[in-house]
Amino acid sequence: MNIGFVVAMESEYVPFLSKLGKFVDSEVLAGIEFCKYELYDRTIFLAKCGIGEIASSAATALLIGRFGCRYIVNFGLVGSLDGASCGAIAVVRDVVHYDCDITAFGHLAGAPADIENPYVPADQKMVRSLERFALPVLRLASGDKFIADPVLSNKIKTDFSANICDMEGAGIALTCARAHVPFTMIKLVSDGANDNATEDFVLAKERTFGRAFDIVLTVIREA
């Protein structure tokens, strides 16, 4: 099986490179580097997409359409909207694109024109399988903004009952939903989406992700 592994920043993928198995080759498409690895009985395509929804959507579309990936895995740092401590690892239950607003045309907030439900579910079978790690299962709110404003953080939490936030999840989730490809997201809380968010984020990038790597590798093995 071909599995796509989407990461945004160098600090999120470099620690994985020694764990992804045998490196085969790499190529750059649309400004995104894709690296091919062989691990277990899987072929893994690592997409170093860069920050933001457009970048993550483009990477995911290429993983599915160009490289034939039938499962997408995402790992990355997130901000907490409800007090989760920095360094906590979470499994994403579903994703909402909080930036999307076509309510003037009768759609629900967060829902694009072609998808009725604004909350795009991750692979629930995998979510249940990961229960053995006793991780929190959370709703991810995603949009093209680094949240460092407590007022905005509270609004997103209130409007969408979200627990964590990032800048790539919606691009991945919506692309997967349209292609009918399952996805799993493992997130590491890096900041509190508040006045200290920038400082906390910088510190989190310097940490060893430790247990998170093992969980991501478990997803790749079981996908």
N, C-alpha and C. Protein backbone atom coordinates (compact mmCIF):
# COMPACT_ATOMS: atom_id res chain seq x y z
N MET A 1 0.84 -1.20 0.00
CA MET A 1 0.00 0.00 0.00
C MET A 1 0.88 1.25 0.00
N ASN A 2 0.46 2.23 -0.77
CA ASN A 2 1.15 3.52 -0.77
C ASN A 2 0.49 4.43 0.27
N ILE A 3 1.31 4.99 1.17
CA ILE A 3 0.83 5.84 2.24
C ILE A 3 1.47 7.21 2.12
N GLY A 4 0.67 8.26 2.17
CA GLY A 4 1.18 9.62 2.15
C GLY A 4 1.36 10.14 3.57
N PHE A 5 2.49 10.77 3.80
CA PHE A 5 2.81 11.32 5.12
C PHE A 5 3.06 12.81 4.94
N VAL A 6 2.13 13.64 5.43
CA VAL A 6 2.18 15.08 5.20
C VAL A 6 2.70 15.80 6.45
N VAL A 7 3.76 16.58 6.26
CA VAL A 7 4.29 17.41 7.35
C VAL A 7 4.58 18.80 6.78
N ALA A 8 4.45 19.81 7.63
CA ALA A 8 4.57 21.18 7.16
C ALA A 8 5.98 21.73 7.30
N MET A 9 6.57 21.54 8.47
CA MET A 9 7.84 22.21 8.78
C MET A 9 8.98 21.22 8.92
N GLU A 10 10.19 21.70 8.67
CA GLU A 10 11.37 20.85 8.79
C GLU A 10 11.49 20.22 10.17
N SER A 11 11.18 21.00 11.21
CA SER A 11 11.30 20.48 12.57
C SER A 11 10.31 19.36 12.86
N GLU A 12 9.27 19.25 12.02
CA GLU A 12 8.26 18.20 12.21
C GLU A 12 8.62 16.91 11.48
N TYR A 13 9.48 16.99 10.47
CA TYR A 13 9.78 15.76 9.73
C TYR A 13 11.21 15.26 9.89
N VAL A 14 12.18 16.13 10.19
CA VAL A 14 13.57 15.69 10.30
C VAL A 14 13.74 14.56 11.32
N PRO A 15 13.09 14.64 12.51
CA PRO A 15 13.28 13.54 13.46
C PRO A 15 12.74 12.19 12.98
N PHE A 16 11.88 12.20 11.96
CA PHE A 16 11.32 10.95 11.45
C PHE A 16 12.23 10.27 10.42
N LEU A 17 13.16 11.00 9.83
CA LEU A 17 13.87 10.51 8.66
C LEU A 17 14.61 9.21 8.91
N SER A 18 15.14 9.05 10.11
CA SER A 18 15.88 7.82 10.41
C SER A 18 14.95 6.66 10.73
N LYS A 19 13.65 6.92 10.84
CA LYS A 19 12.68 5.90 11.23
C LYS A 19 11.76 5.47 10.10
N LEU A 20 11.88 6.11 8.95
CA LEU A 20 10.94 5.86 7.86
C LEU A 20 11.37 4.72 6.95
N GLY A 21 12.44 4.03 7.31
CA GLY A 21 12.85 2.88 6.51
C GLY A 21 13.86 3.25 5.45
N LYS A 22 13.86 2.49 4.36
CA LYS A 22 14.84 2.66 3.30
C LYS A 22 14.44 3.81 2.37
N PHE A 23 15.35 4.77 2.24
CA PHE A 23 15.11 5.86 1.30
C PHE A 23 15.29 5.35 -0.12
N VAL A 24 14.33 5.69 -1.00
CA VAL A 24 14.38 5.23 -2.39
C VAL A 24 14.77 6.36 -3.33
N ASP A 25 13.96 7.43 -3.34
CA ASP A 25 14.29 8.58 -4.17
C ASP A 25 13.43 9.76 -3.78
N SER A 26 13.59 10.87 -4.46
CA SER A 26 12.79 12.06 -4.18
C SER A 26 12.59 12.85 -5.46
N GLU A 27 11.55 13.67 -5.46
CA GLU A 27 11.32 14.58 -6.57
C GLU A 27 10.53 15.78 -6.07
N VAL A 28 10.61 16.86 -6.82
CA VAL A 28 9.91 18.09 -6.47
C VAL A 28 8.81 18.34 -7.50
N LEU A 29 7.59 18.50 -7.00
CA LEU A 29 6.44 18.82 -7.85
C LEU A 29 5.72 20.02 -7.26
N ALA A 30 5.41 20.99 -8.08
CA ALA A 30 4.69 22.18 -7.63
C ALA A 30 5.36 22.83 -6.42
N GLY A 31 6.69 22.75 -6.39
CA GLY A 31 7.44 23.36 -5.30
C GLY A 31 7.47 22.56 -4.01
N ILE A 32 6.91 21.35 -4.03
CA ILE A 32 6.85 20.50 -2.84
C ILE A 32 7.77 19.30 -3.05
N GLU A 33 8.61 19.02 -2.05
CA GLU A 33 9.50 17.86 -2.15
C GLU A 33 8.79 16.61 -1.63
N PHE A 34 8.84 15.55 -2.44
CA PHE A 34 8.27 14.26 -2.07
C PHE A 34 9.40 13.24 -1.99
N CYS A 35 9.53 12.58 -0.84
CA CYS A 35 10.57 11.58 -0.64
C CYS A 35 9.93 10.20 -0.48
N LYS A 36 10.47 9.23 -1.19
CA LYS A 36 9.91 7.88 -1.18
C LYS A 36 10.73 6.97 -0.27
N TYR A 37 10.03 6.21 0.61
CA TYR A 37 10.67 5.29 1.53
C TYR A 37 9.96 3.94 1.48
N GLU A 38 10.67 2.89 1.84
CA GLU A 38 10.08 1.55 1.99
C GLU A 38 10.18 1.15 3.45
N LEU A 39 9.04 0.83 4.07
CA LEU A 39 9.01 0.45 5.48
C LEU A 39 7.91 -0.58 5.69
N TYR A 40 8.22 -1.64 6.46
CA TYR A 40 7.29 -2.76 6.63
C TYR A 40 6.95 -3.27 5.22
N ASP A 41 5.68 -3.41 4.91
CA ASP A 41 5.28 -3.75 3.53
C ASP A 41 4.62 -2.54 2.88
N ARG A 42 5.02 -1.36 3.31
CA ARG A 42 4.43 -0.12 2.84
C ARG A 42 5.42 0.70 2.02
N THR A 43 4.90 1.46 1.08
CA THR A 43 5.68 2.48 0.41
C THR A 43 5.18 3.82 0.92
N ILE A 44 6.08 4.58 1.50
CA ILE A 44 5.71 5.85 2.13
C ILE A 44 6.22 7.00 1.29
N PHE A 45 5.34 7.95 1.02
CA PHE A 45 5.71 9.17 0.32
C PHE A 45 5.60 10.33 1.31
N LEU A 46 6.74 10.85 1.71
CA LEU A 46 6.79 11.97 2.65
C LEU A 46 6.70 13.27 1.87
N ALA A 47 5.67 14.07 2.17
CA ALA A 47 5.48 15.36 1.51
C ALA A 47 5.85 16.47 2.48
N LYS A 48 6.86 17.24 2.11
CA LYS A 48 7.30 18.38 2.93
C LYS A 48 6.58 19.61 2.37
N CYS A 49 5.36 19.83 2.85
CA CYS A 49 4.45 20.73 2.13
C CYS A 49 4.65 22.21 2.41
N GLY A 50 5.16 22.57 3.59
CA GLY A 50 5.19 23.97 3.97
C GLY A 50 3.93 24.34 4.73
N ILE A 51 3.88 25.57 5.22
CA ILE A 51 2.83 26.01 6.13
C ILE A 51 1.59 26.49 5.36
N GLY A 52 0.41 26.14 5.86
CA GLY A 52 -0.83 26.69 5.32
C GLY A 52 -1.72 25.69 4.61
N GLU A 53 -3.00 26.05 4.50
CA GLU A 53 -4.00 25.16 3.93
C GLU A 53 -3.78 24.89 2.44
N ILE A 54 -3.39 25.89 1.68
CA ILE A 54 -3.19 25.69 0.25
C ILE A 54 -2.05 24.71 0.02
N ALA A 55 -0.95 24.89 0.77
CA ALA A 55 0.20 24.00 0.63
C ALA A 55 -0.15 22.57 1.01
N SER A 56 -0.88 22.40 2.11
CA SER A 56 -1.21 21.05 2.56
C SER A 56 -2.22 20.38 1.62
N SER A 57 -3.15 21.15 1.08
CA SER A 57 -4.11 20.60 0.12
C SER A 57 -3.42 20.17 -1.16
N ALA A 58 -2.50 20.99 -1.65
CA ALA A 58 -1.77 20.65 -2.88
C ALA A 58 -0.95 19.38 -2.67
N ALA A 59 -0.27 19.29 -1.53
CA ALA A 59 0.54 18.11 -1.24
C ALA A 59 -0.32 16.85 -1.17
N THR A 60 -1.46 16.96 -0.50
CA THR A 60 -2.35 15.81 -0.35
C THR A 60 -2.92 15.38 -1.70
N ALA A 61 -3.31 16.35 -2.51
CA ALA A 61 -3.84 16.02 -3.84
C ALA A 61 -2.81 15.30 -4.69
N LEU A 62 -1.55 15.74 -4.61
CA LEU A 62 -0.50 15.08 -5.38
C LEU A 62 -0.19 13.69 -4.83
N LEU A 63 -0.20 13.55 -3.53
CA LEU A 63 0.02 12.23 -2.93
C LEU A 63 -1.02 11.23 -3.42
N ILE A 64 -2.26 11.68 -3.50
CA ILE A 64 -3.34 10.79 -3.93
C ILE A 64 -3.35 10.61 -5.45
N GLY A 65 -3.29 11.71 -6.18
CA GLY A 65 -3.44 11.65 -7.63
C GLY A 65 -2.19 11.24 -8.38
N ARG A 66 -1.03 11.71 -7.93
CA ARG A 66 0.22 11.43 -8.64
C ARG A 66 0.91 10.17 -8.12
N PHE A 67 0.89 9.98 -6.80
CA PHE A 67 1.65 8.87 -6.20
C PHE A 67 0.76 7.70 -5.76
N GLY A 68 -0.54 7.81 -5.98
CA GLY A 68 -1.44 6.69 -5.72
C GLY A 68 -1.58 6.31 -4.26
N CYS A 69 -1.45 7.26 -3.36
CA CYS A 69 -1.57 6.96 -1.93
C CYS A 69 -3.03 6.70 -1.58
N ARG A 70 -3.26 5.61 -0.85
CA ARG A 70 -4.61 5.24 -0.46
C ARG A 70 -4.87 5.50 1.01
N TYR A 71 -3.91 6.10 1.68
CA TYR A 71 -4.09 6.47 3.09
C TYR A 71 -3.17 7.65 3.33
N ILE A 72 -3.66 8.63 4.11
CA ILE A 72 -2.89 9.83 4.42
C ILE A 72 -2.69 9.94 5.92
N VAL A 73 -1.44 10.18 6.31
CA VAL A 73 -1.09 10.41 7.72
C VAL A 73 -0.51 11.80 7.85
N ASN A 74 -0.91 12.50 8.89
CA ASN A 74 -0.36 13.83 9.15
C ASN A 74 0.13 13.92 10.59
N PHE A 75 1.31 14.50 10.75
CA PHE A 75 1.83 14.82 12.07
C PHE A 75 2.20 16.29 12.09
N GLY A 76 1.92 16.97 13.21
CA GLY A 76 2.30 18.36 13.30
C GLY A 76 2.00 18.96 14.65
N LEU A 77 2.48 20.17 14.83
CA LEU A 77 2.27 20.92 16.06
C LEU A 77 0.93 21.66 15.99
N VAL A 78 0.28 21.78 17.15
CA VAL A 78 -1.00 22.48 17.22
C VAL A 78 -1.04 23.39 18.45
N GLY A 79 -1.93 24.35 18.39
CA GLY A 79 -2.22 25.17 19.56
C GLY A 79 -3.41 24.59 20.32
N SER A 80 -3.43 24.78 21.62
CA SER A 80 -4.54 24.30 22.44
C SER A 80 -5.57 25.41 22.61
N LEU A 81 -6.83 25.06 22.44
CA LEU A 81 -7.92 26.01 22.63
C LEU A 81 -8.61 25.82 23.99
N ASP A 82 -8.31 24.71 24.67
CA ASP A 82 -9.02 24.43 25.91
C ASP A 82 -8.11 24.01 27.07
N GLY A 83 -6.86 24.48 27.03
CA GLY A 83 -6.00 24.28 28.19
C GLY A 83 -5.14 23.04 28.18
N ALA A 84 -5.09 22.29 27.08
CA ALA A 84 -4.21 21.13 27.02
C ALA A 84 -2.76 21.59 27.19
N SER A 85 -1.99 20.83 27.92
CA SER A 85 -0.63 21.24 28.26
C SER A 85 0.31 21.08 27.08
N CYS A 86 1.31 21.94 27.00
CA CYS A 86 2.32 21.84 25.96
C CYS A 86 3.03 20.49 26.08
N GLY A 87 3.21 19.85 24.94
CA GLY A 87 3.84 18.53 24.93
C GLY A 87 2.86 17.39 24.90
N ALA A 88 1.56 17.67 25.10
CA ALA A 88 0.55 16.62 25.05
C ALA A 88 0.37 16.13 23.63
N ILE A 89 0.17 14.81 23.47
CA ILE A 89 -0.07 14.20 22.17
C ILE A 89 -1.56 13.91 22.05
N ALA A 90 -2.12 14.18 20.87
CA ALA A 90 -3.56 13.96 20.68
C ALA A 90 -3.83 13.29 19.34
N VAL A 91 -4.94 12.57 19.29
CA VAL A 91 -5.46 12.00 18.05
C VAL A 91 -6.62 12.89 17.60
N VAL A 92 -6.66 13.22 16.34
CA VAL A 92 -7.74 14.08 15.81
C VAL A 92 -8.95 13.23 15.47
N ARG A 93 -10.10 13.60 16.04
CA ARG A 93 -11.37 12.93 15.76
C ARG A 93 -11.99 13.44 14.46
N ASP A 94 -12.03 14.78 14.33
CA ASP A 94 -12.55 15.40 13.11
C ASP A 94 -11.96 16.79 12.97
N VAL A 95 -12.16 17.38 11.80
CA VAL A 95 -11.53 18.65 11.45
C VAL A 95 -12.59 19.60 10.91
N VAL A 96 -12.50 20.87 11.34
CA VAL A 96 -13.39 21.89 10.80
C VAL A 96 -12.55 23.05 10.28
N HIS A 97 -12.91 23.55 9.10
CA HIS A 97 -12.22 24.68 8.49
C HIS A 97 -12.89 25.96 8.97
N TYR A 98 -12.40 26.50 10.07
CA TYR A 98 -13.10 27.62 10.70
C TYR A 98 -13.07 28.88 9.84
N ASP A 99 -12.14 28.98 8.91
CA ASP A 99 -12.06 30.14 8.02
C ASP A 99 -13.15 30.15 6.95
N CYS A 100 -13.74 28.99 6.68
CA CYS A 100 -14.71 28.88 5.60
C CYS A 100 -16.07 29.43 6.05
N ASP A 101 -16.57 30.42 5.33
CA ASP A 101 -17.84 31.04 5.72
C ASP A 101 -18.64 31.43 4.48
N ILE A 102 -19.55 30.56 4.10
CA ILE A 102 -20.51 30.89 3.03
C ILE A 102 -21.92 30.75 3.60
N THR A 103 -22.05 31.18 4.85
CA THR A 103 -23.35 31.13 5.52
C THR A 103 -24.38 32.02 4.81
N ALA A 104 -23.89 33.02 4.08
CA ALA A 104 -24.82 33.90 3.34
C ALA A 104 -25.63 33.12 2.31
N PHE A 105 -25.14 31.95 1.91
CA PHE A 105 -25.83 31.12 0.93
C PHE A 105 -26.52 29.93 1.58
N GLY A 106 -26.65 29.97 2.90
CA GLY A 106 -27.39 28.94 3.60
C GLY A 106 -26.57 27.76 4.08
N HIS A 107 -25.25 27.82 3.94
CA HIS A 107 -24.40 26.73 4.40
C HIS A 107 -24.05 26.92 5.87
N LEU A 108 -23.74 25.82 6.54
CA LEU A 108 -23.29 25.90 7.92
C LEU A 108 -21.90 26.52 7.97
N ALA A 109 -21.60 27.24 9.05
CA ALA A 109 -20.28 27.82 9.23
C ALA A 109 -19.24 26.70 9.21
N GLY A 110 -18.18 26.90 8.44
CA GLY A 110 -17.12 25.91 8.36
C GLY A 110 -17.31 24.89 7.26
N ALA A 111 -18.49 24.87 6.63
CA ALA A 111 -18.77 23.88 5.58
C ALA A 111 -18.53 24.49 4.20
N PRO A 112 -17.74 23.81 3.34
CA PRO A 112 -17.60 24.28 1.96
C PRO A 112 -18.85 23.97 1.16
N ALA A 113 -18.92 24.48 -0.04
CA ALA A 113 -20.13 24.35 -0.85
C ALA A 113 -20.47 22.90 -1.18
N ASP A 114 -19.45 22.04 -1.30
CA ASP A 114 -19.69 20.68 -1.77
C ASP A 114 -19.73 19.63 -0.67
N ILE A 115 -19.55 20.05 0.58
CA ILE A 115 -19.57 19.10 1.71
C ILE A 115 -20.51 19.66 2.77
N GLU A 116 -21.58 18.93 3.05
CA GLU A 116 -22.63 19.45 3.92
C GLU A 116 -22.19 19.56 5.38
N ASN A 117 -21.45 18.56 5.86
CA ASN A 117 -21.04 18.54 7.25
C ASN A 117 -19.72 19.28 7.43
N PRO A 118 -19.67 20.33 8.24
CA PRO A 118 -18.41 21.06 8.42
C PRO A 118 -17.35 20.27 9.17
N TYR A 119 -17.74 19.21 9.87
CA TYR A 119 -16.80 18.42 10.67
C TYR A 119 -16.40 17.16 9.89
N VAL A 120 -15.22 17.19 9.31
CA VAL A 120 -14.76 16.10 8.45
C VAL A 120 -14.10 15.04 9.34
N PRO A 121 -14.65 13.82 9.36
CA PRO A 121 -14.13 12.81 10.28
C PRO A 121 -12.83 12.17 9.79
N ALA A 122 -11.93 11.93 10.73
CA ALA A 122 -10.75 11.13 10.45
C ALA A 122 -11.17 9.66 10.37
N ASP A 123 -10.23 8.79 10.08
CA ASP A 123 -10.50 7.36 10.00
C ASP A 123 -10.89 6.84 11.39
N GLN A 124 -12.18 6.61 11.60
CA GLN A 124 -12.66 6.24 12.93
C GLN A 124 -12.17 4.87 13.38
N LYS A 125 -11.94 3.98 12.44
CA LYS A 125 -11.38 2.67 12.80
C LYS A 125 -10.01 2.83 13.42
N MET A 126 -9.18 3.69 12.83
CA MET A 126 -7.85 3.94 13.38
C MET A 126 -7.94 4.69 14.70
N VAL A 127 -8.85 5.63 14.79
CA VAL A 127 -9.04 6.37 16.05
C VAL A 127 -9.35 5.39 17.18
N ARG A 128 -10.23 4.43 16.92
CA ARG A 128 -10.56 3.42 17.95
C ARG A 128 -9.35 2.54 18.26
N SER A 129 -8.58 2.19 17.24
CA SER A 129 -7.41 1.35 17.45
C SER A 129 -6.38 2.05 18.34
N LEU A 130 -6.28 3.35 18.21
CA LEU A 130 -5.28 4.11 18.98
C LEU A 130 -5.72 4.37 20.41
N GLU A 131 -6.93 3.95 20.77
CA GLU A 131 -7.40 4.12 22.15
C GLU A 131 -6.47 3.44 23.15
N ARG A 132 -5.74 2.41 22.70
CA ARG A 132 -4.84 1.69 23.61
C ARG A 132 -3.70 2.56 24.11
N PHE A 133 -3.43 3.68 23.43
CA PHE A 133 -2.38 4.58 23.87
C PHE A 133 -2.89 5.61 24.89
N ALA A 134 -4.20 5.56 25.17
CA ALA A 134 -4.83 6.45 26.16
C ALA A 134 -4.56 7.93 25.85
N LEU A 135 -4.70 8.29 24.59
CA LEU A 135 -4.51 9.68 24.18
C LEU A 135 -5.86 10.39 24.08
N PRO A 136 -5.87 11.71 24.29
CA PRO A 136 -7.12 12.44 24.07
C PRO A 136 -7.49 12.44 22.59
N VAL A 137 -8.77 12.32 22.31
CA VAL A 137 -9.28 12.35 20.94
C VAL A 137 -10.03 13.68 20.79
N LEU A 138 -9.54 14.55 19.91
CA LEU A 138 -9.97 15.94 19.93
C LEU A 138 -10.44 16.43 18.56
N ARG A 139 -11.19 17.53 18.59
CA ARG A 139 -11.61 18.20 17.36
C ARG A 139 -10.59 19.27 17.00
N LEU A 140 -10.15 19.25 15.75
CA LEU A 140 -9.16 20.21 15.25
C LEU A 140 -9.85 21.30 14.44
N ALA A 141 -9.64 22.56 14.83
CA ALA A 141 -10.08 23.70 14.03
C ALA A 141 -8.88 24.19 13.24
N SER A 142 -9.06 24.37 11.94
CA SER A 142 -7.93 24.67 11.08
C SER A 142 -8.22 25.84 10.16
N GLY A 143 -7.23 26.72 10.02
CA GLY A 143 -7.38 27.89 9.16
C GLY A 143 -6.03 28.55 8.94
N ASP A 144 -5.99 29.52 8.04
CA ASP A 144 -4.72 30.15 7.68
C ASP A 144 -4.36 31.30 8.62
N LYS A 145 -4.27 30.99 9.90
CA LYS A 145 -3.88 32.01 10.88
C LYS A 145 -3.20 31.32 12.06
N PHE A 146 -2.04 31.86 12.46
CA PHE A 146 -1.42 31.38 13.69
C PHE A 146 -2.12 32.09 14.85
N ILE A 147 -2.82 31.32 15.67
CA ILE A 147 -3.66 31.91 16.71
C ILE A 147 -2.83 32.31 17.92
N ALA A 148 -2.73 33.62 18.14
CA ALA A 148 -2.02 34.15 19.30
C ALA A 148 -2.86 35.20 20.01
N ASP A 149 -4.17 35.16 19.76
CA ASP A 149 -5.13 36.12 20.31
C ASP A 149 -6.15 35.36 21.15
N PRO A 150 -6.17 35.57 22.48
CA PRO A 150 -7.11 34.84 23.34
C PRO A 150 -8.57 35.03 22.95
N VAL A 151 -8.93 36.21 22.43
CA VAL A 151 -10.31 36.46 22.02
C VAL A 151 -10.69 35.58 20.84
N LEU A 152 -9.82 35.52 19.84
CA LEU A 152 -10.09 34.68 18.67
C LEU A 152 -10.07 33.20 19.06
N SER A 153 -9.13 32.84 19.91
CA SER A 153 -9.05 31.46 20.38
C SER A 153 -10.35 31.02 21.04
N ASN A 154 -10.89 31.87 21.89
CA ASN A 154 -12.13 31.53 22.58
C ASN A 154 -13.31 31.49 21.61
N LYS A 155 -13.32 32.36 20.61
CA LYS A 155 -14.41 32.37 19.63
C LYS A 155 -14.42 31.07 18.84
N ILE A 156 -13.25 30.62 18.38
CA ILE A 156 -13.17 29.38 17.61
C ILE A 156 -13.61 28.20 18.47
N LYS A 157 -13.14 28.19 19.70
CA LYS A 157 -13.53 27.13 20.63
C LYS A 157 -15.04 27.11 20.83
N THR A 158 -15.63 28.27 21.02
CA THR A 158 -17.07 28.37 21.28
C THR A 158 -17.90 28.05 20.04
N ASP A 159 -17.51 28.61 18.91
CA ASP A 159 -18.30 28.44 17.68
C ASP A 159 -18.29 27.01 17.16
N PHE A 160 -17.16 26.31 17.36
CA PHE A 160 -17.01 24.99 16.73
C PHE A 160 -16.75 23.86 17.72
N SER A 161 -16.81 24.15 19.01
CA SER A 161 -16.53 23.13 20.04
C SER A 161 -15.20 22.44 19.76
N ALA A 162 -14.22 23.24 19.37
CA ALA A 162 -12.91 22.70 19.00
C ALA A 162 -11.97 22.72 20.20
N ASN A 163 -11.00 21.81 20.16
CA ASN A 163 -10.04 21.67 21.25
C ASN A 163 -8.65 22.16 20.89
N ILE A 164 -8.27 22.01 19.63
CA ILE A 164 -6.93 22.37 19.17
C ILE A 164 -7.04 23.07 17.82
N CYS A 165 -5.95 23.74 17.41
CA CYS A 165 -5.98 24.48 16.14
C CYS A 165 -4.64 24.36 15.42
N ASP A 166 -4.72 24.41 14.07
CA ASP A 166 -3.50 24.41 13.27
C ASP A 166 -3.76 25.14 11.96
N MET A 167 -2.79 25.03 11.01
CA MET A 167 -2.89 25.75 9.75
C MET A 167 -2.83 24.84 8.52
N GLU A 168 -2.90 23.52 8.73
CA GLU A 168 -2.82 22.59 7.60
C GLU A 168 -3.93 21.54 7.57
N GLY A 169 -4.53 21.26 8.70
CA GLY A 169 -5.45 20.13 8.82
C GLY A 169 -6.64 20.18 7.88
N ALA A 170 -7.23 21.35 7.68
CA ALA A 170 -8.41 21.43 6.82
C ALA A 170 -8.06 21.12 5.37
N GLY A 171 -6.91 21.60 4.91
CA GLY A 171 -6.50 21.31 3.54
C GLY A 171 -6.35 19.82 3.31
N ILE A 172 -5.80 19.12 4.29
CA ILE A 172 -5.62 17.67 4.19
C ILE A 172 -6.97 16.96 4.26
N ALA A 173 -7.76 17.31 5.29
CA ALA A 173 -9.03 16.61 5.52
C ALA A 173 -10.01 16.79 4.37
N LEU A 174 -10.16 17.99 3.87
CA LEU A 174 -11.11 18.24 2.80
C LEU A 174 -10.68 17.57 1.50
N THR A 175 -9.39 17.57 1.22
CA THR A 175 -8.90 16.90 0.01
C THR A 175 -9.12 15.40 0.11
N CYS A 176 -8.86 14.83 1.28
CA CYS A 176 -9.10 13.40 1.49
C CYS A 176 -10.59 13.07 1.35
N ALA A 177 -11.44 13.92 1.92
CA ALA A 177 -12.89 13.67 1.84
C ALA A 177 -13.36 13.66 0.39
N ARG A 178 -12.87 14.59 -0.39
CA ARG A 178 -13.29 14.66 -1.80
C ARG A 178 -12.77 13.48 -2.61
N ALA A 179 -11.62 12.94 -2.20
CA ALA A 179 -11.04 11.80 -2.92
C ALA A 179 -11.44 10.46 -2.31
N HIS A 180 -12.20 10.50 -1.23
CA HIS A 180 -12.64 9.28 -0.53
C HIS A 180 -11.45 8.45 -0.07
N VAL A 181 -10.46 9.15 0.48
CA VAL A 181 -9.26 8.52 1.02
C VAL A 181 -9.22 8.77 2.53
N PRO A 182 -9.08 7.73 3.36
CA PRO A 182 -9.06 7.92 4.81
C PRO A 182 -7.77 8.61 5.28
N PHE A 183 -7.88 9.28 6.42
CA PHE A 183 -6.70 9.96 6.97
C PHE A 183 -6.68 9.84 8.49
N THR A 184 -5.48 9.93 9.03
CA THR A 184 -5.27 9.98 10.48
C THR A 184 -4.32 11.12 10.78
N MET A 185 -4.62 11.87 11.84
CA MET A 185 -3.76 12.97 12.27
C MET A 185 -3.33 12.77 13.71
N ILE A 186 -2.03 12.85 13.94
CA ILE A 186 -1.46 12.82 15.28
C ILE A 186 -0.86 14.19 15.53
N LYS A 187 -1.25 14.83 16.62
CA LYS A 187 -0.82 16.20 16.88
C LYS A 187 -0.10 16.32 18.22
N LEU A 188 0.84 17.24 18.25
CA LEU A 188 1.59 17.54 19.47
C LEU A 188 1.31 18.99 19.84
N VAL A 189 0.78 19.21 21.03
CA VAL A 189 0.43 20.57 21.47
C VAL A 189 1.70 21.37 21.71
N SER A 190 1.81 22.49 21.01
CA SER A 190 3.02 23.31 21.10
C SER A 190 2.81 24.62 21.84
N ASP A 191 1.54 25.07 21.93
CA ASP A 191 1.29 26.36 22.55
C ASP A 191 -0.17 26.45 22.96
N GLY A 192 -0.50 27.53 23.68
CA GLY A 192 -1.85 27.70 24.20
C GLY A 192 -2.74 28.61 23.40
N ALA A 193 -2.32 28.95 22.16
CA ALA A 193 -3.12 29.84 21.29
C ALA A 193 -3.52 31.11 22.03
N ASN A 194 -2.54 31.69 22.74
CA ASN A 194 -2.81 32.89 23.54
C ASN A 194 -1.65 33.86 23.41
N ASP A 195 -1.53 34.78 24.38
CA ASP A 195 -0.48 35.80 24.30
C ASP A 195 0.92 35.22 24.31
N ASN A 196 1.10 34.02 24.87
CA ASN A 196 2.42 33.39 24.94
C ASN A 196 2.65 32.39 23.80
N ALA A 197 1.75 32.34 22.83
CA ALA A 197 1.78 31.30 21.81
C ALA A 197 3.09 31.28 21.03
N THR A 198 3.58 32.45 20.64
CA THR A 198 4.79 32.49 19.82
C THR A 198 5.99 31.93 20.57
N GLU A 199 6.16 32.34 21.82
CA GLU A 199 7.27 31.84 22.63
C GLU A 199 7.14 30.34 22.87
N ASP A 200 5.94 29.89 23.22
CA ASP A 200 5.71 28.46 23.48
C ASP A 200 5.99 27.63 22.22
N PHE A 201 5.58 28.15 21.07
CA PHE A 201 5.75 27.44 19.81
C PHE A 201 7.23 27.23 19.50
N VAL A 202 8.03 28.26 19.70
CA VAL A 202 9.47 28.17 19.44
C VAL A 202 10.10 27.12 20.35
N LEU A 203 9.71 27.10 21.62
CA LEU A 203 10.26 26.12 22.56
C LEU A 203 9.85 24.71 22.18
N ALA A 204 8.59 24.54 21.77
CA ALA A 204 8.10 23.20 21.41
C ALA A 204 8.84 22.65 20.21
N LYS A 205 9.20 23.50 19.26
CA LYS A 205 9.93 23.04 18.07
C LYS A 205 11.28 22.45 18.43
N GLU A 206 11.83 22.84 19.59
CA GLU A 206 13.15 22.37 19.99
C GLU A 206 13.08 21.09 20.80
N ARG A 207 11.87 20.63 21.13
CA ARG A 207 11.74 19.43 21.94
C ARG A 207 11.87 18.16 21.10
N THR A 208 12.24 17.08 21.77
CA THR A 208 12.20 15.78 21.13
C THR A 208 10.76 15.29 21.19
N PHE A 209 10.22 14.86 20.05
CA PHE A 209 8.82 14.48 20.00
C PHE A 209 8.56 13.11 20.62
N GLY A 210 9.63 12.32 20.78
CA GLY A 210 9.55 11.07 21.52
C GLY A 210 8.42 10.14 21.14
N ARG A 211 7.48 9.99 22.07
CA ARG A 211 6.40 9.00 21.93
C ARG A 211 5.55 9.23 20.68
N ALA A 212 5.45 10.46 20.26
CA ALA A 212 4.64 10.76 19.08
C ALA A 212 5.13 10.00 17.86
N PHE A 213 6.46 9.83 17.73
CA PHE A 213 7.00 9.12 16.59
C PHE A 213 6.51 7.68 16.57
N ASP A 214 6.53 7.04 17.73
CA ASP A 214 6.11 5.64 17.80
C ASP A 214 4.65 5.49 17.41
N ILE A 215 3.83 6.45 17.79
CA ILE A 215 2.41 6.38 17.47
C ILE A 215 2.19 6.57 15.96
N VAL A 216 2.91 7.51 15.37
CA VAL A 216 2.81 7.70 13.92
C VAL A 216 3.24 6.45 13.18
N LEU A 217 4.31 5.82 13.62
CA LEU A 217 4.78 4.59 12.97
C LEU A 217 3.76 3.47 13.14
N THR A 218 3.06 3.46 14.27
CA THR A 218 1.98 2.48 14.47
C THR A 218 0.88 2.68 13.45
N VAL A 219 0.51 3.93 13.21
CA VAL A 219 -0.52 4.24 12.20
C VAL A 219 -0.08 3.76 10.83
N ILE A 220 1.17 4.03 10.47
CA ILE A 220 1.68 3.62 9.17
C ILE A 220 1.64 2.09 9.04
N ARG A 221 2.00 1.40 10.09
CA ARG A 221 2.02 -0.06 10.06
C ARG A 221 0.62 -0.65 9.96
N GLU A 222 -0.37 -0.01 10.60
CA GLU A 222 -1.71 -0.58 10.67
C GLU A 222 -2.67 -0.05 9.60
N ALA A 223 -2.25 0.96 8.87
CA ALA A 223 -3.15 1.57 7.87
C ALA A 223 -3.55 0.55 6.79
